[in-house]
């Protein structure tokens, strides 16, 4: 599995924590930054991650900002992306099982690093159930046309 990850200035600390988790888990990743804590615009960092996932260059993506809201909105503007804003383990599992989410968004100002690590590990290790959910995903994809 290859992961694209990015944040804005409001998610830098949590992004670094999640990168460390990816290293511990042996997951291949590319970190799109940013490299400093200076204020940046979240669409500038969400877009390359979303485009990379949509194009198939990455299997999934992780985006982090202060709340996760801006990043998730920006990512979901890209065709083929199903970005889920998640702040609990149950939702992380459900969004993979039922929605086949391909990008996870989280907010550094909403959750702490311990919970974020648990969310990411759950999200990475949960598979899409298919079945009746495939029909629903198909309907979502039809909305993009």
N, C-alpha and C. Protein backbone atom coordinates (compact mmCIF):
# COMPACT_ATOMS: atom_id res chain seq x y z
N UNK A 1 0.85 -1.18 0.00
CA UNK A 1 0.00 0.00 0.00
C UNK A 1 0.89 1.24 0.00
N UNK A 2 0.53 2.21 -0.83
CA UNK A 2 1.28 3.47 -0.91
C UNK A 2 0.33 4.61 -0.56
N UNK A 3 0.74 5.42 0.41
CA UNK A 3 -0.09 6.49 0.97
C UNK A 3 0.48 7.85 0.61
N UNK A 4 -0.38 8.78 0.23
CA UNK A 4 -0.02 10.19 0.08
C UNK A 4 -0.54 10.90 1.32
N UNK A 5 0.27 11.76 1.92
CA UNK A 5 -0.13 12.46 3.13
C UNK A 5 0.25 13.93 3.04
N UNK A 6 -0.61 14.79 3.57
CA UNK A 6 -0.33 16.23 3.61
C UNK A 6 -1.15 16.86 4.71
N UNK A 7 -0.77 18.08 5.02
CA UNK A 7 -1.53 18.87 5.99
C UNK A 7 -1.44 20.33 5.58
N UNK A 8 -2.08 21.18 6.34
CA UNK A 8 -1.77 22.60 6.28
C UNK A 8 -1.04 22.92 7.57
N UNK A 9 -0.81 24.19 7.83
CA UNK A 9 -0.08 24.58 9.03
C UNK A 9 -0.78 24.12 10.31
N UNK A 10 -2.10 24.04 10.28
CA UNK A 10 -2.88 23.64 11.46
C UNK A 10 -2.83 22.16 11.74
N UNK A 11 -2.28 21.38 10.83
CA UNK A 11 -2.21 19.93 11.01
C UNK A 11 -0.79 19.37 10.99
N UNK A 12 0.20 20.26 10.99
CA UNK A 12 1.60 19.82 10.89
C UNK A 12 2.01 18.84 11.97
N UNK A 13 1.69 19.12 13.21
CA UNK A 13 2.14 18.25 14.31
C UNK A 13 1.52 16.87 14.21
N UNK A 14 0.23 16.81 13.92
CA UNK A 14 -0.43 15.51 13.80
C UNK A 14 0.06 14.77 12.57
N UNK A 15 0.33 15.49 11.48
CA UNK A 15 0.87 14.84 10.27
C UNK A 15 2.19 14.16 10.60
N UNK A 16 3.06 14.84 11.32
CA UNK A 16 4.35 14.24 11.68
C UNK A 16 4.14 12.99 12.55
N UNK A 17 3.17 13.03 13.42
CA UNK A 17 2.85 11.86 14.26
C UNK A 17 2.38 10.69 13.39
N UNK A 18 1.54 10.98 12.41
CA UNK A 18 1.01 9.92 11.54
C UNK A 18 2.09 9.40 10.62
N UNK A 19 2.99 10.25 10.15
CA UNK A 19 4.13 9.78 9.36
C UNK A 19 4.95 8.79 10.17
N UNK A 20 5.17 9.09 11.44
CA UNK A 20 5.91 8.17 12.31
C UNK A 20 5.18 6.83 12.42
N UNK A 21 3.85 6.87 12.52
CA UNK A 21 3.07 5.64 12.56
C UNK A 21 3.25 4.85 11.27
N UNK A 22 3.20 5.53 10.13
CA UNK A 22 3.38 4.84 8.85
C UNK A 22 4.75 4.16 8.78
N UNK A 23 5.77 4.83 9.29
CA UNK A 23 7.11 4.23 9.35
C UNK A 23 7.08 2.98 10.23
N UNK A 24 6.47 3.09 11.40
CA UNK A 24 6.38 1.95 12.33
C UNK A 24 5.65 0.77 11.71
N UNK A 25 4.62 1.07 10.91
CA UNK A 25 3.82 0.01 10.27
C UNK A 25 4.45 -0.51 8.98
N UNK A 26 5.50 0.14 8.53
CA UNK A 26 6.15 -0.27 7.29
C UNK A 26 5.35 0.08 6.06
N UNK A 27 4.54 1.13 6.15
CA UNK A 27 3.71 1.55 5.02
C UNK A 27 4.48 2.58 4.19
N UNK A 28 4.53 2.35 2.90
CA UNK A 28 5.18 3.29 1.98
C UNK A 28 4.34 4.55 1.89
N UNK A 29 4.99 5.71 1.89
CA UNK A 29 4.26 6.97 1.84
C UNK A 29 5.09 8.04 1.16
N UNK A 30 4.39 9.08 0.70
CA UNK A 30 5.01 10.31 0.23
C UNK A 30 4.37 11.44 1.01
N UNK A 31 5.21 12.26 1.63
CA UNK A 31 4.75 13.39 2.44
C UNK A 31 4.79 14.66 1.59
N UNK A 32 3.62 15.22 1.34
CA UNK A 32 3.49 16.41 0.52
C UNK A 32 3.64 17.72 1.32
N UNK A 33 3.95 17.60 2.61
CA UNK A 33 4.22 18.79 3.40
C UNK A 33 2.99 19.39 4.04
N UNK A 34 3.18 20.63 4.49
CA UNK A 34 4.25 21.59 4.22
C UNK A 34 5.47 21.38 5.14
N UNK A 35 6.56 22.04 4.76
CA UNK A 35 7.81 21.89 5.48
C UNK A 35 7.99 22.87 6.63
N UNK A 36 7.09 23.85 6.74
CA UNK A 36 7.21 24.84 7.82
C UNK A 36 5.86 25.03 8.49
N UNK A 37 5.84 25.80 9.56
CA UNK A 37 4.61 26.09 10.28
C UNK A 37 3.97 27.40 9.83
N UNK A 38 4.50 28.00 8.76
CA UNK A 38 3.91 29.23 8.23
C UNK A 38 2.53 28.93 7.65
N UNK A 39 1.65 29.91 7.73
CA UNK A 39 0.29 29.74 7.23
C UNK A 39 0.29 29.41 5.74
N UNK A 40 -0.48 28.39 5.38
CA UNK A 40 -0.64 27.96 3.99
C UNK A 40 -2.12 27.73 3.72
N UNK A 41 -2.47 27.59 2.47
CA UNK A 41 -3.86 27.35 2.08
C UNK A 41 -4.09 25.85 1.87
N UNK A 42 -5.04 25.28 2.61
CA UNK A 42 -5.26 23.84 2.57
C UNK A 42 -5.54 23.27 1.18
N UNK A 43 -6.23 23.99 0.26
CA UNK A 43 -6.43 23.38 -1.05
C UNK A 43 -5.12 23.10 -1.80
N UNK A 44 -4.09 23.89 -1.51
CA UNK A 44 -2.81 23.70 -2.18
C UNK A 44 -2.15 22.39 -1.77
N UNK A 45 -2.53 21.84 -0.64
CA UNK A 45 -1.95 20.58 -0.17
C UNK A 45 -2.91 19.41 -0.32
N UNK A 46 -4.20 19.67 -0.28
CA UNK A 46 -5.19 18.61 -0.48
C UNK A 46 -5.22 18.17 -1.94
N UNK A 47 -5.08 19.11 -2.85
CA UNK A 47 -5.23 18.81 -4.28
C UNK A 47 -4.19 17.81 -4.79
N UNK A 48 -2.89 17.97 -4.52
CA UNK A 48 -1.96 16.96 -5.04
C UNK A 48 -2.18 15.57 -4.45
N UNK A 49 -2.60 15.51 -3.20
CA UNK A 49 -2.90 14.20 -2.60
C UNK A 49 -4.11 13.59 -3.30
N UNK A 50 -5.17 14.36 -3.45
CA UNK A 50 -6.38 13.85 -4.10
C UNK A 50 -6.12 13.45 -5.55
N UNK A 51 -5.38 14.27 -6.27
CA UNK A 51 -5.06 13.93 -7.66
C UNK A 51 -4.20 12.67 -7.73
N UNK A 52 -3.28 12.52 -6.79
CA UNK A 52 -2.44 11.33 -6.77
C UNK A 52 -3.22 10.06 -6.50
N UNK A 53 -4.20 10.14 -5.60
CA UNK A 53 -5.06 8.98 -5.32
C UNK A 53 -5.99 8.71 -6.50
N UNK A 54 -6.60 9.75 -7.04
CA UNK A 54 -7.53 9.58 -8.15
C UNK A 54 -6.84 9.00 -9.39
N UNK A 55 -5.59 9.35 -9.60
CA UNK A 55 -4.85 8.86 -10.77
C UNK A 55 -4.31 7.45 -10.58
N UNK A 56 -4.35 6.95 -9.35
CA UNK A 56 -3.84 5.62 -9.08
C UNK A 56 -2.37 5.59 -8.68
N UNK A 57 -1.73 6.75 -8.60
CA UNK A 57 -0.34 6.78 -8.16
C UNK A 57 -0.19 6.41 -6.69
N UNK A 58 -1.28 6.60 -5.94
CA UNK A 58 -1.32 6.23 -4.52
C UNK A 58 -2.58 5.41 -4.28
N UNK A 59 -2.49 4.48 -3.36
CA UNK A 59 -3.65 3.66 -3.02
C UNK A 59 -4.66 4.44 -2.20
N UNK A 60 -4.15 5.25 -1.26
CA UNK A 60 -5.01 6.06 -0.40
C UNK A 60 -4.26 7.31 0.03
N UNK A 61 -5.01 8.23 0.66
CA UNK A 61 -4.40 9.46 1.13
C UNK A 61 -4.88 9.82 2.53
N UNK A 62 -4.08 10.63 3.20
CA UNK A 62 -4.42 11.14 4.53
C UNK A 62 -4.19 12.64 4.51
N UNK A 63 -5.20 13.39 4.95
CA UNK A 63 -5.12 14.85 4.98
C UNK A 63 -5.46 15.36 6.37
N UNK A 64 -4.71 16.35 6.84
CA UNK A 64 -4.92 16.86 8.18
C UNK A 64 -4.84 18.38 8.16
N UNK A 65 -5.84 19.02 8.76
CA UNK A 65 -5.79 20.46 8.99
C UNK A 65 -6.30 20.69 10.42
N UNK A 66 -6.65 21.90 10.76
CA UNK A 66 -7.10 22.18 12.11
C UNK A 66 -8.32 21.37 12.50
N UNK A 67 -9.32 21.35 11.62
CA UNK A 67 -10.55 20.60 11.89
C UNK A 67 -10.72 19.40 10.97
N UNK A 68 -10.03 19.37 9.85
CA UNK A 68 -10.22 18.34 8.84
C UNK A 68 -11.29 18.71 7.83
N UNK A 69 -12.06 19.73 8.12
CA UNK A 69 -13.19 20.10 7.26
C UNK A 69 -12.71 20.65 5.92
N UNK A 70 -11.84 21.64 5.96
CA UNK A 70 -11.35 22.24 4.72
C UNK A 70 -10.68 21.24 3.82
N UNK A 71 -9.84 20.40 4.39
CA UNK A 71 -9.14 19.38 3.61
C UNK A 71 -10.13 18.41 2.97
N UNK A 72 -11.14 17.99 3.71
CA UNK A 72 -12.10 17.02 3.16
C UNK A 72 -12.92 17.65 2.05
N UNK A 73 -13.32 18.91 2.21
CA UNK A 73 -14.07 19.58 1.15
C UNK A 73 -13.22 19.69 -0.10
N UNK A 74 -11.98 20.13 0.05
CA UNK A 74 -11.09 20.28 -1.11
C UNK A 74 -10.87 18.95 -1.81
N UNK A 75 -10.58 17.90 -1.06
CA UNK A 75 -10.30 16.59 -1.66
C UNK A 75 -11.51 16.06 -2.41
N UNK A 76 -12.70 16.26 -1.86
CA UNK A 76 -13.91 15.73 -2.49
C UNK A 76 -14.31 16.47 -3.76
N UNK A 77 -13.62 17.54 -4.09
CA UNK A 77 -13.85 18.23 -5.37
C UNK A 77 -13.21 17.47 -6.54
N UNK A 78 -12.29 16.55 -6.23
CA UNK A 78 -11.58 15.80 -7.26
C UNK A 78 -12.37 14.54 -7.61
N UNK A 79 -12.62 14.36 -8.89
CA UNK A 79 -13.38 13.20 -9.37
C UNK A 79 -12.71 11.90 -8.93
N UNK A 80 -13.52 11.00 -8.37
CA UNK A 80 -13.02 9.70 -7.95
C UNK A 80 -12.62 9.64 -6.49
N UNK A 81 -12.68 10.76 -5.81
CA UNK A 81 -12.27 10.78 -4.41
C UNK A 81 -13.48 10.64 -3.50
N UNK A 82 -13.31 9.80 -2.49
CA UNK A 82 -14.28 9.65 -1.41
C UNK A 82 -13.52 9.89 -0.11
N UNK A 83 -13.43 11.15 0.24
CA UNK A 83 -12.70 11.55 1.44
C UNK A 83 -13.66 11.62 2.61
N UNK A 84 -13.30 10.94 3.69
CA UNK A 84 -14.14 10.91 4.89
C UNK A 84 -13.44 11.66 6.02
N UNK A 85 -14.16 12.57 6.61
CA UNK A 85 -13.69 13.28 7.81
C UNK A 85 -14.04 12.42 9.01
N UNK A 86 -13.01 11.97 9.73
CA UNK A 86 -13.21 10.99 10.79
C UNK A 86 -12.50 11.43 12.08
N UNK A 87 -13.21 11.30 13.19
CA UNK A 87 -12.62 11.60 14.50
C UNK A 87 -12.92 10.53 15.54
N UNK A 88 -13.30 9.33 15.07
CA UNK A 88 -13.52 8.21 15.98
C UNK A 88 -13.23 6.91 15.24
N UNK A 89 -12.90 5.87 15.98
CA UNK A 89 -12.49 4.60 15.40
C UNK A 89 -13.64 3.90 14.68
N UNK A 90 -14.85 3.96 15.25
CA UNK A 90 -16.00 3.32 14.61
C UNK A 90 -16.22 3.87 13.20
N UNK A 91 -16.17 5.18 13.05
CA UNK A 91 -16.37 5.79 11.73
C UNK A 91 -15.24 5.44 10.77
N UNK A 92 -14.01 5.33 11.28
CA UNK A 92 -12.88 4.95 10.43
C UNK A 92 -13.11 3.58 9.83
N UNK A 93 -13.61 2.67 10.65
CA UNK A 93 -13.89 1.32 10.16
C UNK A 93 -15.08 1.33 9.19
N UNK A 94 -16.13 2.02 9.56
CA UNK A 94 -17.35 2.04 8.74
C UNK A 94 -17.12 2.69 7.38
N UNK A 95 -16.32 3.75 7.34
CA UNK A 95 -16.13 4.43 6.06
C UNK A 95 -15.31 3.59 5.09
N UNK A 96 -14.50 2.69 5.60
CA UNK A 96 -13.79 1.77 4.71
C UNK A 96 -14.73 0.63 4.30
N UNK A 97 -15.45 0.06 5.26
CA UNK A 97 -16.32 -1.07 4.97
C UNK A 97 -17.46 -0.71 4.03
N UNK A 98 -18.07 0.43 4.25
CA UNK A 98 -19.31 0.78 3.54
C UNK A 98 -19.12 1.80 2.43
N UNK A 99 -18.18 2.71 2.58
CA UNK A 99 -18.01 3.80 1.61
C UNK A 99 -16.77 3.66 0.75
N UNK A 100 -15.93 2.68 1.05
CA UNK A 100 -14.66 2.49 0.33
C UNK A 100 -13.90 3.82 0.24
N UNK A 101 -13.85 4.55 1.36
CA UNK A 101 -13.16 5.84 1.34
C UNK A 101 -11.71 5.64 0.94
N UNK A 102 -11.22 6.56 0.11
CA UNK A 102 -9.84 6.46 -0.34
C UNK A 102 -8.96 7.57 0.23
N UNK A 103 -9.56 8.53 0.91
CA UNK A 103 -8.80 9.53 1.64
C UNK A 103 -9.44 9.72 3.01
N UNK A 104 -8.58 9.81 4.02
CA UNK A 104 -8.99 10.05 5.39
C UNK A 104 -8.60 11.47 5.76
N UNK A 105 -9.53 12.24 6.31
CA UNK A 105 -9.24 13.58 6.81
C UNK A 105 -9.46 13.61 8.31
N UNK A 106 -8.58 14.33 9.00
CA UNK A 106 -8.68 14.48 10.45
C UNK A 106 -8.31 15.90 10.84
N UNK A 107 -8.73 16.29 12.04
CA UNK A 107 -8.43 17.62 12.54
C UNK A 107 -7.53 17.57 13.76
N UNK A 108 -6.37 18.23 13.67
CA UNK A 108 -5.43 18.25 14.79
C UNK A 108 -6.00 18.96 16.01
N UNK A 109 -6.87 19.94 15.79
CA UNK A 109 -7.44 20.67 16.91
C UNK A 109 -8.66 19.96 17.50
N UNK A 110 -9.01 18.81 16.93
CA UNK A 110 -10.19 18.08 17.35
C UNK A 110 -9.82 16.83 18.15
N UNK A 111 -8.78 16.12 17.70
CA UNK A 111 -8.38 14.88 18.37
C UNK A 111 -6.89 14.90 18.70
N UNK A 112 -6.52 14.07 19.62
CA UNK A 112 -5.13 13.95 20.03
C UNK A 112 -4.40 12.90 19.22
N UNK A 113 -3.07 12.84 19.38
CA UNK A 113 -2.27 11.93 18.58
C UNK A 113 -2.55 10.45 18.84
N UNK A 114 -2.85 10.08 20.07
CA UNK A 114 -3.13 8.67 20.37
C UNK A 114 -4.35 8.16 19.63
N UNK A 115 -5.43 8.93 19.70
CA UNK A 115 -6.65 8.54 18.99
C UNK A 115 -6.43 8.60 17.48
N UNK A 116 -5.71 9.58 17.00
CA UNK A 116 -5.45 9.69 15.56
C UNK A 116 -4.69 8.47 15.06
N UNK A 117 -3.72 8.03 15.81
CA UNK A 117 -2.95 6.83 15.42
C UNK A 117 -3.87 5.60 15.34
N UNK A 118 -4.77 5.47 16.31
CA UNK A 118 -5.70 4.34 16.31
C UNK A 118 -6.66 4.42 15.12
N UNK A 119 -7.12 5.62 14.81
CA UNK A 119 -8.01 5.83 13.66
C UNK A 119 -7.31 5.43 12.37
N UNK A 120 -6.09 5.92 12.19
CA UNK A 120 -5.34 5.62 10.96
C UNK A 120 -5.07 4.13 10.84
N UNK A 121 -4.64 3.49 11.91
CA UNK A 121 -4.37 2.05 11.86
C UNK A 121 -5.62 1.26 11.50
N UNK A 122 -6.74 1.64 12.08
CA UNK A 122 -8.01 0.98 11.77
C UNK A 122 -8.39 1.20 10.32
N UNK A 123 -8.29 2.44 9.86
CA UNK A 123 -8.66 2.79 8.49
C UNK A 123 -7.78 2.06 7.48
N UNK A 124 -6.48 1.96 7.76
CA UNK A 124 -5.57 1.28 6.84
C UNK A 124 -5.83 -0.22 6.78
N UNK A 125 -6.28 -0.81 7.88
CA UNK A 125 -6.42 -2.26 7.96
C UNK A 125 -7.84 -2.77 7.72
N UNK A 126 -8.75 -1.89 7.38
CA UNK A 126 -10.14 -2.29 7.13
C UNK A 126 -10.38 -2.34 5.62
N UNK A 127 -11.03 -3.40 5.18
CA UNK A 127 -11.31 -3.56 3.75
C UNK A 127 -12.76 -3.22 3.44
N UNK A 128 -12.99 -2.90 2.18
CA UNK A 128 -14.32 -2.60 1.68
C UNK A 128 -15.12 -3.90 1.61
N UNK A 129 -16.35 -3.88 2.13
CA UNK A 129 -17.19 -5.08 2.17
C UNK A 129 -17.81 -5.42 0.81
N UNK A 130 -17.94 -4.44 -0.07
CA UNK A 130 -18.57 -4.72 -1.36
C UNK A 130 -20.05 -4.98 -1.20
N UNK A 131 -20.58 -5.93 -1.97
CA UNK A 131 -22.00 -6.28 -1.87
C UNK A 131 -22.90 -5.09 -2.14
N UNK A 132 -23.89 -4.91 -1.28
CA UNK A 132 -24.87 -3.84 -1.47
C UNK A 132 -24.21 -2.46 -1.49
N UNK A 133 -23.04 -2.36 -0.88
CA UNK A 133 -22.34 -1.07 -0.83
C UNK A 133 -21.77 -0.68 -2.20
N UNK A 134 -21.47 -1.67 -3.05
CA UNK A 134 -20.97 -1.38 -4.39
C UNK A 134 -21.99 -0.58 -5.20
N UNK A 135 -23.25 -0.95 -5.08
CA UNK A 135 -24.31 -0.23 -5.79
C UNK A 135 -24.34 1.24 -5.34
N UNK A 136 -24.20 1.44 -4.06
CA UNK A 136 -24.25 2.80 -3.51
C UNK A 136 -23.04 3.61 -3.95
N UNK A 137 -21.88 2.99 -3.96
CA UNK A 137 -20.67 3.68 -4.43
C UNK A 137 -20.84 4.03 -5.91
N UNK A 138 -21.43 3.13 -6.67
CA UNK A 138 -21.70 3.41 -8.08
C UNK A 138 -22.59 4.62 -8.26
N UNK A 139 -23.58 4.77 -7.41
CA UNK A 139 -24.47 5.93 -7.48
C UNK A 139 -23.71 7.20 -7.14
N UNK A 140 -22.80 7.12 -6.17
CA UNK A 140 -21.97 8.29 -5.86
C UNK A 140 -21.11 8.68 -7.06
N UNK A 141 -20.53 7.69 -7.70
CA UNK A 141 -19.67 7.96 -8.85
C UNK A 141 -20.47 8.54 -10.00
N UNK A 142 -21.72 8.10 -10.16
CA UNK A 142 -22.58 8.64 -11.21
C UNK A 142 -22.84 10.13 -10.99
N UNK A 143 -22.84 10.59 -9.76
CA UNK A 143 -23.05 12.01 -9.47
C UNK A 143 -21.93 12.89 -10.02
N UNK A 144 -20.77 12.29 -10.25
CA UNK A 144 -19.63 13.06 -10.75
C UNK A 144 -19.72 13.32 -12.26
N UNK A 145 -20.58 12.60 -12.93
CA UNK A 145 -20.67 12.74 -14.41
C UNK A 145 -21.62 13.83 -14.84
